[in-house]
Amino acid sequence: MQKKLTISIDEEVYTGLHNIIGSRKISKFIEDLVRPYVIKSELVSGYEQMAKDKVREEEALEWAEATCGDSIHETR
């Protein structure tokens, strides 16, 4: 569902939006710009859920520490 929002912006910005984006595309343009700041992405949500899994985090840390030294002995 869409909601209508009234905002006030500088006249120069308004003119620029009309000239560059087009009058019928301004809402979509602004929504696309704002969305990442106000709606969590699935990726962020997934990382947050993974971080809450203490067993998985401990296993990942053990694996990282165990394999960290392997790169020292690699040839280039």
Protein backbone atom coordinates (compact mmCIF):
# COMPACT_ATOMS: atom_id res chain seq x y z
CA MET A 1 0.00 0.00 0.00
CA GLN A 2 1.29 3.45 -0.84
CA LYS A 3 0.95 6.54 1.31
CA LYS A 4 1.06 10.14 0.16
CA LEU A 5 3.76 12.35 1.69
CA THR A 6 4.13 16.10 1.33
CA ILE A 7 7.64 17.50 1.71
CA SER A 8 9.16 20.94 1.26
CA ILE A 9 12.39 21.34 -0.68
CA ASP A 10 14.42 24.17 -2.13
CA GLU A 11 13.12 25.49 -5.45
CA GLU A 12 16.45 24.82 -7.17
CA VAL A 13 16.35 21.17 -6.03
CA TYR A 14 12.74 20.87 -7.19
CA THR A 15 13.65 22.22 -10.64
CA GLY A 16 16.62 19.86 -10.83
CA LEU A 17 14.45 16.87 -9.98
CA HIS A 18 11.98 17.79 -12.70
CA ASN A 19 14.72 18.40 -15.28
CA ILE A 20 16.84 15.34 -14.55
CA ILE A 21 14.48 12.73 -13.11
CA GLY A 22 11.21 13.74 -14.73
CA SER A 23 7.99 14.79 -13.06
CA ARG A 24 6.39 11.32 -13.03
CA LYS A 25 9.46 9.56 -11.60
CA ILE A 26 10.38 11.74 -8.59
CA SER A 27 8.49 9.66 -6.00
CA LYS A 28 10.20 6.44 -7.10
CA PHE A 29 13.60 8.17 -7.19
CA ILE A 30 13.23 9.47 -3.63
CA GLU A 31 11.85 6.15 -2.36
CA ASP A 32 14.82 4.26 -3.84
CA LEU A 33 17.24 6.69 -2.17
CA VAL A 34 15.57 6.54 1.25
CA ARG A 35 14.66 2.84 1.43
CA PRO A 36 18.08 1.50 2.56
CA TYR A 37 18.09 3.93 5.48
CA VAL A 38 14.65 3.07 6.85
CA ILE A 39 14.09 -0.60 5.97
CA LYS A 40 16.47 -3.34 7.03
CA SER A 41 17.68 -5.43 4.17
CA GLU A 42 17.36 -9.19 4.30
CA LEU A 43 21.15 -9.40 4.29
CA VAL A 44 21.47 -7.28 7.44
CA SER A 45 18.69 -9.23 9.10
CA GLY A 46 20.42 -12.50 8.20
CA TYR A 47 23.74 -11.34 9.67
CA GLU A 48 22.00 -10.25 12.86
CA GLN A 49 20.37 -13.67 13.21
CA MET A 50 23.69 -15.43 12.59
CA ALA A 51 25.42 -13.29 15.22
CA LYS A 52 22.81 -14.35 17.81
CA ASP A 53 23.70 -18.01 17.26
CA LYS A 54 26.46 -18.35 19.87
CA VAL A 55 27.37 -21.94 18.95
CA ARG A 56 27.81 -21.00 15.28
CA GLU A 57 29.88 -17.96 16.24
CA GLU A 58 32.18 -20.06 18.45
CA GLU A 59 32.65 -22.64 15.67
CA ALA A 60 33.35 -19.89 13.13
CA LEU A 61 35.95 -18.31 15.44
CA GLU A 62 37.65 -21.67 16.02
CA TRP A 63 37.76 -22.30 12.26
CA ALA A 64 39.13 -18.83 11.54
CA GLU A 65 41.83 -19.15 14.18
CA ALA A 66 42.78 -22.65 13.00
CA THR A 67 43.12 -21.65 9.35
CA CYS A 68 44.66 -18.21 9.91
CA GLY A 69 48.21 -19.56 10.00
CA ASP A 70 47.74 -21.58 6.80
CA SER A 71 48.18 -18.52 4.61
CA ILE A 72 51.64 -17.83 6.03
CA HIS A 73 53.00 -21.00 4.43
CA GLU A 74 51.40 -20.50 1.01
CA THR A 75 53.65 -19.87 -1.97
CA ARG A 76 52.89 -17.07 -4.34
